[in-house]
PDB file of all heavy atoms in Angstrom:
ATOM      1  N   ARG A   1       0.852  -1.200  -0.026  1.00  0.00           N
ATOM      2  CA  ARG A   1      -0.087  -0.020   0.027  1.00  0.00           C
ATOM      3  C   ARG A   1       0.852   1.275  -0.062  1.00  0.00           C
ATOM      4  O   ARG A   1       1.882   1.354   0.630  1.00  0.00           O
ATOM      5  CB  ARG A   1      -0.895   0.043   1.247  1.00  0.00           C
ATOM      6  CG  ARG A   1      -1.931  -1.081   1.216  1.00  0.00           C
ATOM      7  CD  ARG A   1      -2.883  -1.002   2.420  1.00  0.00           C
ATOM      8  NE  ARG A   1      -3.685   0.341   2.381  1.00  0.00           N
ATOM      9  CZ  ARG A   1      -4.741   0.573   1.574  1.00  0.00           C
ATOM     10  NH1 ARG A   1      -5.206  -0.376   0.845  1.00  0.00           N
ATOM     11  NH2 ARG A   1      -5.290   1.655   1.644  1.00  0.00           N
ATOM     12  N   CYS A   2       0.450   2.335  -0.738  1.00  0.00           N
ATOM     13  CA  CYS A   2       1.140   3.462  -0.679  1.00  0.00           C
ATOM     14  C   CYS A   2       0.225   4.660  -1.222  1.00  0.00           C
ATOM     15  O   CYS A   2      -0.761   4.341  -1.894  1.00  0.00           O
ATOM     16  CB  CYS A   2       2.352   3.444  -1.666  1.00  0.00           C
ATOM     17  SG  CYS A   2       1.988   3.084  -3.406  1.00  0.00           S
ATOM     18  N   GLU A   3       0.527   5.877  -0.849  1.00  0.00           N
ATOM     19  CA  GLU A   3      -0.246   7.015  -1.245  1.00  0.00           C
ATOM     20  C   GLU A   3       0.343   7.688  -2.448  1.00  0.00           C
ATOM     21  O   GLU A   3      -0.413   8.437  -3.157  1.00  0.00           O
ATOM     22  CB  GLU A   3      -0.386   7.920  -0.029  1.00  0.00           C
ATOM     23  CG  GLU A   3      -0.987   7.400   1.150  1.00  0.00           C
ATOM     24  CD  GLU A   3      -0.953   8.410   2.401  1.00  0.00           C
ATOM     25  OE1 GLU A   3      -0.379   9.443   2.196  1.00  0.00           O
ATOM     26  OE2 GLU A   3      -1.632   8.092   3.418  1.00  0.00           O
ATOM     27  N   ARG A   4       1.562   7.566  -2.658  1.00  0.00           N
ATOM     28  CA  ARG A   4       2.250   8.366  -3.677  1.00  0.00           C
ATOM     29  C   ARG A   4       3.323   7.410  -4.427  1.00  0.00           C
ATOM     30  O   ARG A   4       4.000   6.753  -3.702  1.00  0.00           O
ATOM     31  CB  ARG A   4       2.836   9.583  -3.309  1.00  0.00           C
ATOM     32  CG  ARG A   4       1.814  10.634  -2.902  1.00  0.00           C
ATOM     33  CD  ARG A   4       2.417  11.919  -2.307  1.00  0.00           C
ATOM     34  NE  ARG A   4       3.030  11.703  -1.026  1.00  0.00           N
ATOM     35  CZ  ARG A   4       3.650  12.544  -0.235  1.00  0.00           C
ATOM     36  NH1 ARG A   4       3.665  13.861  -0.823  1.00  0.00           N
ATOM     37  NH2 ARG A   4       4.132  12.327   0.841  1.00  0.00           N
ATOM     38  N   VAL A   5       3.392   7.533  -5.685  1.00  0.00           N
ATOM     39  CA  VAL A   5       4.433   6.716  -6.488  1.00  0.00           C
ATOM     40  C   VAL A   5       5.081   7.709  -7.403  1.00  0.00           C
ATOM     41  O   VAL A   5       4.535   8.586  -7.965  1.00  0.00           O
ATOM     42  CB  VAL A   5       3.696   5.691  -7.349  1.00  0.00           C
ATOM     43  CG1 VAL A   5       4.669   5.071  -8.311  1.00  0.00           C
ATOM     44  CG2 VAL A   5       3.065   4.594  -6.417  1.00  0.00           C
ATOM     45  N   VAL A   6       6.408   7.489  -7.515  1.00  0.00           N
ATOM     46  CA  VAL A   6       7.328   8.341  -8.465  1.00  0.00           C
ATOM     47  C   VAL A   6       7.711   7.274  -9.506  1.00  0.00           C
ATOM     48  O   VAL A   6       8.393   6.261  -9.204  1.00  0.00           O
ATOM     49  CB  VAL A   6       8.482   8.901  -7.770  1.00  0.00           C
ATOM     50  CG1 VAL A   6       9.311   9.670  -8.791  1.00  0.00           C
ATOM     51  CG2 VAL A   6       8.085   9.829  -6.628  1.00  0.00           C
ATOM     52  N   LEU A   7       7.364   7.516 -10.762  1.00  0.00           N
ATOM     53  CA  LEU A   7       7.899   6.721 -11.819  1.00  0.00           C
ATOM     54  C   LEU A   7       9.198   7.290 -12.433  1.00  0.00           C
ATOM     55  O   LEU A   7       9.224   8.230 -13.231  1.00  0.00           O
ATOM     56  CB  LEU A   7       6.779   6.713 -12.988  1.00  0.00           C
ATOM     57  CG  LEU A   7       5.363   6.256 -12.644  1.00  0.00           C
ATOM     58  CD1 LEU A   7       4.456   6.276 -13.871  1.00  0.00           C
ATOM     59  CD2 LEU A   7       5.488   4.821 -12.010  1.00  0.00           C
ATOM     60  N   ALA A   8      10.186   6.690 -11.956  1.00  0.00           N
ATOM     61  CA  ALA A   8      11.595   7.137 -12.242  1.00  0.00           C
ATOM     62  C   ALA A   8      12.345   5.931 -12.978  1.00  0.00           C
ATOM     63  O   ALA A   8      13.552   5.668 -12.660  1.00  0.00           O
ATOM     64  CB  ALA A   8      12.327   7.587 -11.035  1.00  0.00           C
ATOM     65  N   ALA A   9      11.677   5.185 -13.780  1.00  0.00           N
ATOM     66  CA  ALA A   9      12.141   3.906 -14.309  1.00  0.00           C
ATOM     67  C   ALA A   9      12.747   4.016 -15.735  1.00  0.00           C
ATOM     68  O   ALA A   9      12.756   3.066 -16.402  1.00  0.00           O
ATOM     69  CB  ALA A   9      11.028   2.875 -14.274  1.00  0.00           C
ATOM     70  N   GLY A  10      13.229   5.238 -16.104  1.00  0.00           N
ATOM     71  CA  GLY A  10      13.884   5.390 -17.326  1.00  0.00           C
ATOM     72  C   GLY A  10      13.049   4.922 -18.570  1.00  0.00           C
ATOM     73  O   GLY A  10      11.911   5.341 -18.745  1.00  0.00           O
ATOM     74  N   ALA A  11      13.617   4.020 -19.357  1.00  0.00           N
ATOM     75  CA  ALA A  11      12.955   3.515 -20.586  1.00  0.00           C
ATOM     76  C   ALA A  11      11.655   2.827 -20.208  1.00  0.00           C
ATOM     77  O   ALA A  11      10.715   2.658 -21.159  1.00  0.00           O
ATOM     78  CB  ALA A  11      13.799   2.622 -21.358  1.00  0.00           C
ATOM     79  N   TRP A  12      11.430   2.321 -19.034  1.00  0.00           N
ATOM     80  CA  TRP A  12      10.271   1.501 -18.650  1.00  0.00           C
ATOM     81  C   TRP A  12       9.181   2.431 -18.022  1.00  0.00           C
ATOM     82  O   TRP A  12       8.050   1.925 -17.763  1.00  0.00           O
ATOM     83  CB  TRP A  12      10.620   0.505 -17.592  1.00  0.00           C
ATOM     84  CG  TRP A  12      11.341  -0.681 -18.148  1.00  0.00           C
ATOM     85  CD1 TRP A  12      10.780  -1.862 -18.611  1.00  0.00           C
ATOM     86  CD2 TRP A  12      12.769  -0.804 -18.429  1.00  0.00           C
ATOM     87  NE1 TRP A  12      11.772  -2.682 -19.033  1.00  0.00           N
ATOM     88  CE2 TRP A  12      13.012  -2.081 -18.941  1.00  0.00           C
ATOM     89  CE3 TRP A  12      13.791   0.034 -18.137  1.00  0.00           C
ATOM     90  CZ2 TRP A  12      14.237  -2.548 -19.249  1.00  0.00           C
ATOM     91  CZ3 TRP A  12      15.088  -0.422 -18.456  1.00  0.00           C
ATOM     92  CH2 TRP A  12      15.244  -1.647 -19.088  1.00  0.00           C
ATOM     93  N   ALA A  13       9.413   3.763 -17.826  1.00  0.00           N
ATOM     94  CA  ALA A  13       8.467   4.564 -17.154  1.00  0.00           C
ATOM     95  C   ALA A  13       7.146   4.716 -17.975  1.00  0.00           C
ATOM     96  O   ALA A  13       6.062   4.704 -17.319  1.00  0.00           O
ATOM     97  CB  ALA A  13       9.036   5.990 -17.041  1.00  0.00           C
ATOM     98  N   GLY A  14       7.296   4.698 -19.301  1.00  0.00           N
ATOM     99  CA  GLY A  14       5.979   4.740 -20.129  1.00  0.00           C
ATOM    100  C   GLY A  14       5.132   3.563 -19.962  1.00  0.00           C
ATOM    101  O   GLY A  14       3.899   3.717 -19.843  1.00  0.00           O
ATOM    102  N   ARG A  15       5.746   2.399 -19.861  1.00  0.00           N
ATOM    103  CA  ARG A  15       5.034   1.170 -19.746  1.00  0.00           C
ATOM    104  C   ARG A  15       4.331   1.162 -18.348  1.00  0.00           C
ATOM    105  O   ARG A  15       3.168   0.773 -18.181  1.00  0.00           O
ATOM    106  CB  ARG A  15       5.872  -0.036 -19.875  1.00  0.00           C
ATOM    107  CG  ARG A  15       6.324  -0.244 -21.349  1.00  0.00           C
ATOM    108  CD  ARG A  15       7.131  -1.570 -21.492  1.00  0.00           C
ATOM    109  NE  ARG A  15       7.509  -1.812 -22.875  1.00  0.00           N
ATOM    110  CZ  ARG A  15       8.143  -2.905 -23.274  1.00  0.00           C
ATOM    111  NH1 ARG A  15       8.412  -3.783 -22.410  1.00  0.00           N
ATOM    112  NH2 ARG A  15       8.360  -3.113 -24.598  1.00  0.00           N
ATOM    113  N   LEU A  16       5.020   1.590 -17.288  1.00  0.00           N
ATOM    114  CA  LEU A  16       4.479   1.636 -16.042  1.00  0.00           C
ATOM    115  C   LEU A  16       3.245   2.658 -15.947  1.00  0.00           C
ATOM    116  O   LEU A  16       2.265   2.334 -15.297  1.00  0.00           O
ATOM    117  CB  LEU A  16       5.564   2.044 -14.949  1.00  0.00           C
ATOM    118  CG  LEU A  16       6.591   0.943 -14.655  1.00  0.00           C
ATOM    119  CD1 LEU A  16       7.751   1.621 -13.836  1.00  0.00           C
ATOM    120  CD2 LEU A  16       6.035  -0.274 -14.020  1.00  0.00           C
ATOM    121  N   GLY A  17       3.343   3.718 -16.602  1.00  0.00           N
ATOM    122  CA  GLY A  17       2.286   4.679 -16.535  1.00  0.00           C
ATOM    123  C   GLY A  17       0.978   4.065 -17.247  1.00  0.00           C
ATOM    124  O   GLY A  17      -0.087   4.218 -16.741  1.00  0.00           O
ATOM    125  N   MET A  18       1.267   3.295 -18.312  1.00  0.00           N
ATOM    126  CA  MET A  18       0.122   2.612 -18.934  1.00  0.00           C
ATOM    127  C   MET A  18      -0.599   1.561 -17.962  1.00  0.00           C
ATOM    128  O   MET A  18      -1.816   1.508 -17.991  1.00  0.00           O
ATOM    129  CB  MET A  18       0.604   1.904 -20.241  1.00  0.00           C
ATOM    130  CG  MET A  18       1.029   2.867 -21.333  1.00  0.00           C
ATOM    131  SD  MET A  18       1.651   1.988 -22.795  1.00  0.00           S
ATOM    132  CE  MET A  18       0.055   1.246 -23.413  1.00  0.00           C
ATOM    133  N   LEU A  19       0.170   0.931 -17.197  1.00  0.00           N
ATOM    134  CA  LEU A  19      -0.388  -0.086 -16.193  1.00  0.00           C
ATOM    135  C   LEU A  19      -1.310   0.603 -15.298  1.00  0.00           C
ATOM    136  O   LEU A  19      -2.230  -0.023 -14.701  1.00  0.00           O
ATOM    137  CB  LEU A  19       0.748  -0.760 -15.445  1.00  0.00           C
ATOM    138  CG  LEU A  19       1.666  -1.678 -16.240  1.00  0.00           C
ATOM    139  CD1 LEU A  19       2.735  -2.189 -15.337  1.00  0.00           C
ATOM    140  CD2 LEU A  19       0.893  -2.849 -16.761  1.00  0.00           C
ATOM    141  N   ALA A  20      -1.064   1.930 -14.936  1.00  0.00           N
ATOM    142  CA  ALA A  20      -1.891   2.676 -14.090  1.00  0.00           C
ATOM    143  C   ALA A  20      -3.013   3.477 -14.792  1.00  0.00           C
ATOM    144  O   ALA A  20      -3.778   4.166 -14.126  1.00  0.00           O
ATOM    145  CB  ALA A  20      -1.054   3.682 -13.240  1.00  0.00           C
ATOM    146  N   GLY A  21      -3.023   3.305 -16.146  1.00  0.00           N
ATOM    147  CA  GLY A  21      -4.038   4.018 -16.902  1.00  0.00           C
ATOM    148  C   GLY A  21      -3.661   5.454 -17.209  1.00  0.00           C
ATOM    149  O   GLY A  21      -4.581   6.273 -17.453  1.00  0.00           O
ATOM    150  N   ALA A  22      -2.399   5.768 -17.181  1.00  0.00           N
ATOM    151  CA  ALA A  22      -1.950   7.080 -17.392  1.00  0.00           C
ATOM    152  C   ALA A  22      -0.977   7.086 -18.570  1.00  0.00           C
ATOM    153  O   ALA A  22       0.317   6.979 -18.257  1.00  0.00           O
ATOM    154  CB  ALA A  22      -1.351   7.728 -16.149  1.00  0.00           C
ATOM    155  N   ASP A  23      -1.451   7.032 -19.749  1.00  0.00           N
ATOM    156  CA  ASP A  23      -0.607   6.933 -20.899  1.00  0.00           C
ATOM    157  C   ASP A  23       0.193   8.179 -21.162  1.00  0.00           C
ATOM    158  O   ASP A  23      -0.432   9.262 -21.088  1.00  0.00           O
ATOM    159  CB  ASP A  23      -1.414   6.476 -22.144  1.00  0.00           C
ATOM    160  CG  ASP A  23      -0.473   6.141 -23.419  1.00  0.00           C
ATOM    161  OD1 ASP A  23       0.730   5.924 -23.113  1.00  0.00           O
ATOM    162  OD2 ASP A  23      -1.036   6.086 -24.478  1.00  0.00           O
ATOM    163  N   LEU A  24       1.465   8.105 -21.421  1.00  0.00           N
ATOM    164  CA  LEU A  24       2.302   9.275 -21.765  1.00  0.00           C
ATOM    165  C   LEU A  24       3.328   8.874 -22.796  1.00  0.00           C
ATOM    166  O   LEU A  24       3.963   7.851 -22.673  1.00  0.00           O
ATOM    167  CB  LEU A  24       2.961   9.754 -20.423  1.00  0.00           C
ATOM    168  CG  LEU A  24       3.477  11.229 -20.458  1.00  0.00           C
ATOM    169  CD1 LEU A  24       2.313  12.169 -20.492  1.00  0.00           C
ATOM    170  CD2 LEU A  24       4.379  11.477 -19.227  1.00  0.00           C
ATOM    171  N   SER A  25       3.419   9.679 -23.838  1.00  0.00           N
ATOM    172  CA  SER A  25       4.331   9.300 -24.888  1.00  0.00           C
ATOM    173  C   SER A  25       5.817   9.515 -24.531  1.00  0.00           C
ATOM    174  O   SER A  25       6.234  10.716 -24.391  1.00  0.00           O
ATOM    175  CB  SER A  25       3.948  10.252 -26.121  1.00  0.00           C
ATOM    176  OG  SER A  25       4.915   9.868 -27.206  1.00  0.00           O
ATOM    177  N   LEU A  26       6.445   8.405 -24.368  1.00  0.00           N
ATOM    178  CA  LEU A  26       7.922   8.412 -24.020  1.00  0.00           C
ATOM    179  C   LEU A  26       8.545   7.405 -25.075  1.00  0.00           C
ATOM    180  O   LEU A  26       8.121   6.296 -25.226  1.00  0.00           O
ATOM    181  CB  LEU A  26       8.229   7.932 -22.547  1.00  0.00           C
ATOM    182  CG  LEU A  26       7.673   8.861 -21.526  1.00  0.00           C
ATOM    183  CD1 LEU A  26       7.716   8.239 -20.131  1.00  0.00           C
ATOM    184  CD2 LEU A  26       8.508  10.232 -21.497  1.00  0.00           C
ATOM    185  N   SER A  27       9.643   7.898 -25.596  1.00  0.00           N
ATOM    186  CA  SER A  27      10.319   7.150 -26.733  1.00  0.00           C
ATOM    187  C   SER A  27      11.753   6.831 -26.249  1.00  0.00           C
ATOM    188  O   SER A  27      12.636   7.697 -26.239  1.00  0.00           O
ATOM    189  CB  SER A  27      10.290   7.990 -28.092  1.00  0.00           C
ATOM    190  OG  SER A  27       9.055   8.279 -28.345  1.00  0.00           O
ATOM    191  N   PRO A  28      12.024   5.480 -25.994  1.00  0.00           N
ATOM    192  CA  PRO A  28      13.432   5.062 -25.831  1.00  0.00           C
ATOM    193  C   PRO A  28      14.149   5.074 -27.112  1.00  0.00           C
ATOM    194  O   PRO A  28      13.760   4.289 -28.035  1.00  0.00           O
ATOM    195  CB  PRO A  28      13.257   3.695 -25.138  1.00  0.00           C
ATOM    196  CG  PRO A  28      11.818   3.550 -24.813  1.00  0.00           C
ATOM    197  CD  PRO A  28      11.128   4.405 -25.737  1.00  0.00           C
ATOM    198  N   LEU A  29      15.227   5.793 -27.274  1.00  0.00           N
ATOM    199  CA  LEU A  29      16.042   5.891 -28.376  1.00  0.00           C
ATOM    200  C   LEU A  29      17.359   5.307 -28.219  1.00  0.00           C
ATOM    201  O   LEU A  29      18.062   5.719 -27.239  1.00  0.00           O
ATOM    202  CB  LEU A  29      16.105   7.322 -29.040  1.00  0.00           C
ATOM    203  CG  LEU A  29      14.815   8.054 -29.142  1.00  0.00           C
ATOM    204  CD1 LEU A  29      15.024   9.511 -29.583  1.00  0.00           C
ATOM    205  CD2 LEU A  29      13.942   7.320 -30.243  1.00  0.00           C
ATOM    206  N   ARG A  30      17.915   4.524 -29.117  1.00  0.00           N
ATOM    207  CA  ARG A  30      19.159   3.818 -29.038  1.00  0.00           C
ATOM    208  C   ARG A  30      20.236   4.856 -29.497  1.00  0.00           C
ATOM    209  O   ARG A  30      20.124   5.548 -30.477  1.00  0.00           O
ATOM    210  CB  ARG A  30      19.216   2.600 -29.923  1.00  0.00           C
ATOM    211  CG  ARG A  30      20.565   1.834 -29.855  1.00  0.00           C
ATOM    212  CD  ARG A  30      20.698   0.829 -30.846  1.00  0.00           C
ATOM    213  NE  ARG A  30      20.713   1.499 -32.256  1.00  0.00           N
ATOM    214  CZ  ARG A  30      20.430   0.892 -33.403  1.00  0.00           C
ATOM    215  NH1 ARG A  30      20.147  -0.358 -33.484  1.00  0.00           N
ATOM    216  NH2 ARG A  30      20.681   1.598 -34.532  1.00  0.00           N
ATOM    217  N   ARG A  31      21.370   4.797 -28.773  1.00  0.00           N
ATOM    218  CA  ARG A  31      22.529   5.641 -29.054  1.00  0.00           C
ATOM    219  C   ARG A  31      23.772   4.759 -28.904  1.00  0.00           C
ATOM    220  O   ARG A  31      23.906   4.103 -27.869  1.00  0.00           O
ATOM    221  CB  ARG A  31      22.613   6.844 -28.287  1.00  0.00           C
ATOM    222  CG  ARG A  31      23.932   7.594 -28.620  1.00  0.00           C
ATOM    223  CD  ARG A  31      23.917   9.027 -28.066  1.00  0.00           C
ATOM    224  NE  ARG A  31      23.048   9.835 -28.838  1.00  0.00           N
ATOM    225  CZ  ARG A  31      22.980  11.213 -28.779  1.00  0.00           C
ATOM    226  NH1 ARG A  31      23.592  11.819 -27.889  1.00  0.00           N
ATOM    227  NH2 ARG A  31      22.082  11.781 -29.582  1.00  0.00           N
ATOM    228  N   HIS A  32      24.694   4.738 -29.811  1.00  0.00           N
ATOM    229  CA  HIS A  32      25.979   3.934 -29.791  1.00  0.00           C
ATOM    230  C   HIS A  32      27.051   4.683 -29.224  1.00  0.00           C
ATOM    231  O   HIS A  32      27.151   5.911 -29.376  1.00  0.00           O
ATOM    232  CB  HIS A  32      26.335   3.516 -31.139  1.00  0.00           C
ATOM    233  CG  HIS A  32      25.476   2.319 -31.762  1.00  0.00           C
ATOM    234  ND1 HIS A  32      24.367   2.430 -32.196  1.00  0.00           N
ATOM    235  CD2 HIS A  32      25.993   0.934 -31.795  1.00  0.00           C
ATOM    236  CE1 HIS A  32      23.866   1.211 -32.556  1.00  0.00           C
ATOM    237  NE2 HIS A  32      24.834   0.269 -32.364  1.00  0.00           N
ATOM    238  N   LEU A  33      27.926   3.983 -28.456  1.00  0.00           N
ATOM    239  CA  LEU A  33      29.246   4.491 -28.034  1.00  0.00           C
ATOM    240  C   LEU A  33      30.280   3.518 -28.515  1.00  0.00           C
ATOM    241  O   LEU A  33      30.089   2.281 -28.488  1.00  0.00           O
ATOM    242  CB  LEU A  33      29.231   4.537 -26.496  1.00  0.00           C
ATOM    243  CG  LEU A  33      28.392   5.726 -25.845  1.00  0.00           C
ATOM    244  CD1 LEU A  33      28.143   5.428 -24.354  1.00  0.00           C
ATOM    245  CD2 LEU A  33      29.045   7.100 -26.106  1.00  0.00           C
ATOM    246  N   MET A  34      31.385   4.023 -28.912  1.00  0.00           N
ATOM    247  CA  MET A  34      32.557   3.192 -29.550  1.00  0.00           C
ATOM    248  C   MET A  34      33.871   3.686 -28.970  1.00  0.00           C
ATOM    249  O   MET A  34      34.151   4.837 -28.928  1.00  0.00           O
ATOM    250  CB  MET A  34      32.494   3.359 -30.985  1.00  0.00           C
ATOM    251  CG  MET A  34      31.210   2.903 -31.659  1.00  0.00           C
ATOM    252  SD  MET A  34      31.216   3.161 -33.542  1.00  0.00           S
ATOM    253  CE  MET A  34      29.424   3.050 -33.776  1.00  0.00           C
ATOM    254  N   GLN A  35      34.554   2.731 -28.519  1.00  0.00           N
ATOM    255  CA  GLN A  35      35.914   2.959 -27.998  1.00  0.00           C
ATOM    256  C   GLN A  35      36.859   2.793 -29.157  1.00  0.00           C
ATOM    257  O   GLN A  35      37.030   1.738 -29.755  1.00  0.00           O
ATOM    258  CB  GLN A  35      36.297   1.924 -26.907  1.00  0.00           C
ATOM    259  CG  GLN A  35      37.715   1.950 -26.360  1.00  0.00           C
ATOM    260  CD  GLN A  35      37.873   3.205 -25.458  1.00  0.00           C
ATOM    261  OE1 GLN A  35      36.947   3.581 -24.729  1.00  0.00           O
ATOM    262  NE2 GLN A  35      39.095   3.703 -25.386  1.00  0.00           N
ATOM    263  N   LEU A  36      37.594   3.892 -29.497  1.00  0.00           N
ATOM    264  CA  LEU A  36      38.498   3.921 -30.682  1.00  0.00           C
ATOM    265  C   LEU A  36      39.923   3.938 -30.109  1.00  0.00           C
ATOM    266  O   LEU A  36      40.299   4.646 -29.152  1.00  0.00           O
ATOM    267  CB  LEU A  36      38.244   5.131 -31.538  1.00  0.00           C
ATOM    268  CG  LEU A  36      36.863   5.430 -31.983  1.00  0.00           C
ATOM    269  CD1 LEU A  36      36.812   6.707 -32.806  1.00  0.00           C
ATOM    270  CD2 LEU A  36      36.205   4.250 -32.653  1.00  0.00           C
ATOM    271  N   VAL A  37      40.803   3.155 -30.707  1.00  0.00           N
ATOM    272  CA  VAL A  37      42.237   3.082 -30.373  1.00  0.00           C
ATOM    273  C   VAL A  37      43.039   3.252 -31.667  1.00  0.00           C
ATOM    274  O   VAL A  37      42.594   2.891 -32.744  1.00  0.00           O
ATOM    275  CB  VAL A  37      42.622   1.774 -29.663  1.00  0.00           C
ATOM    276  CG1 VAL A  37      41.893   1.744 -28.313  1.00  0.00           C
ATOM    277  CG2 VAL A  37      42.258   0.560 -30.402  1.00  0.00           C
ATOM    278  N   GLY A  38      44.316   3.773 -31.449  1.00  0.00           N
ATOM    279  CA  GLY A  38      45.128   3.977 -32.690  1.00  0.00           C
ATOM    280  C   GLY A  38      46.258   4.895 -32.270  1.00  0.00           C
ATOM    281  O   GLY A  38      46.528   5.299 -31.056  1.00  0.00           O
ATOM    282  N   GLU A  39      47.048   5.327 -33.334  1.00  0.00           N
ATOM    283  CA  GLU A  39      48.099   6.353 -33.039  1.00  0.00           C
ATOM    284  C   GLU A  39      47.528   7.683 -32.938  1.00  0.00           C
ATOM    285  O   GLU A  39      46.459   8.038 -33.389  1.00  0.00           O
ATOM    286  CB  GLU A  39      49.091   6.264 -34.186  1.00  0.00           C
ATOM    287  CG  GLU A  39      49.686   4.819 -34.407  1.00  0.00           C
ATOM    288  CD  GLU A  39      50.701   4.835 -35.635  1.00  0.00           C
ATOM    289  OE1 GLU A  39      50.782   5.872 -36.178  1.00  0.00           O
ATOM    290  OE2 GLU A  39      51.263   3.770 -35.851  1.00  0.00           O
ATOM    291  N   ASP A  40      48.411   8.482 -32.263  1.00  0.00           N
ATOM    292  CA  ASP A  40      48.110   9.904 -32.008  1.00  0.00           C
ATOM    293  C   ASP A  40      46.708  10.167 -31.415  1.00  0.00           C
ATOM    294  O   ASP A  40      45.930  11.090 -31.758  1.00  0.00           O
ATOM    295  CB  ASP A  40      48.232  10.612 -33.344  1.00  0.00           C
ATOM    296  CG  ASP A  40      49.610  10.547 -33.905  1.00  0.00           C
ATOM    297  OD1 ASP A  40      50.577  10.606 -33.179  1.00  0.00           O
ATOM    298  OD2 ASP A  40      49.648  10.379 -35.170  1.00  0.00           O
ATOM    299  N   MET A  41      46.400   9.427 -30.407  1.00  0.00           N
ATOM    300  CA  MET A  41      45.128   9.616 -29.697  1.00  0.00           C
ATOM    301  C   MET A  41      45.244  10.803 -28.805  1.00  0.00           C
ATOM    302  O   MET A  41      46.354  11.198 -28.373  1.00  0.00           O
ATOM    303  CB  MET A  41      44.784   8.412 -28.855  1.00  0.00           C
ATOM    304  CG  MET A  41      44.285   7.188 -29.622  1.00  0.00           C
ATOM    305  SD  MET A  41      42.641   7.357 -30.257  1.00  0.00           S
ATOM    306  CE  MET A  41      43.075   7.648 -32.036  1.00  0.00           C
ATOM    307  N   PRO A  42      44.062  11.585 -28.507  1.00  0.00           N
ATOM    308  CA  PRO A  42      44.293  12.751 -27.677  1.00  0.00           C
ATOM    309  C   PRO A  42      44.641  12.397 -26.251  1.00  0.00           C
ATOM    310  O   PRO A  42      44.507  11.364 -25.800  1.00  0.00           O
ATOM    311  CB  PRO A  42      42.754  13.223 -27.623  1.00  0.00           C
ATOM    312  CG  PRO A  42      42.135  12.646 -28.769  1.00  0.00           C
ATOM    313  CD  PRO A  42      42.811  11.284 -29.028  1.00  0.00           C
ATOM    314  N   ARG A  43      45.341  13.342 -25.623  1.00  0.00           N
ATOM    315  CA  ARG A  43      45.801  13.169 -24.242  1.00  0.00           C
ATOM    316  C   ARG A  43      44.563  13.300 -23.369  1.00  0.00           C
ATOM    317  O   ARG A  43      43.524  13.864 -23.722  1.00  0.00           O
ATOM    318  CB  ARG A  43      46.812  14.302 -23.804  1.00  0.00           C
ATOM    319  CG  ARG A  43      48.018  14.352 -24.691  1.00  0.00           C
ATOM    320  CD  ARG A  43      49.026  15.334 -24.125  1.00  0.00           C
ATOM    321  NE  ARG A  43      48.267  16.672 -24.079  1.00  0.00           N
ATOM    322  CZ  ARG A  43      48.245  17.503 -25.061  1.00  0.00           C
ATOM    323  NH1 ARG A  43      48.624  17.282 -26.192  1.00  0.00           N
ATOM    324  NH2 ARG A  43      47.650  18.755 -24.900  1.00  0.00           N
TER     325      ARG A  43
END
């Protein structure tokens, strides 16, 4: 039992809102990160 809930679940927040009947448009977008190695890399 609780009186107040904070939806701070990142990419899952939108799905949790729908479970409560409070739909909100939230879009999880993929972004890549790449580790590059080679000569003359920045200090």
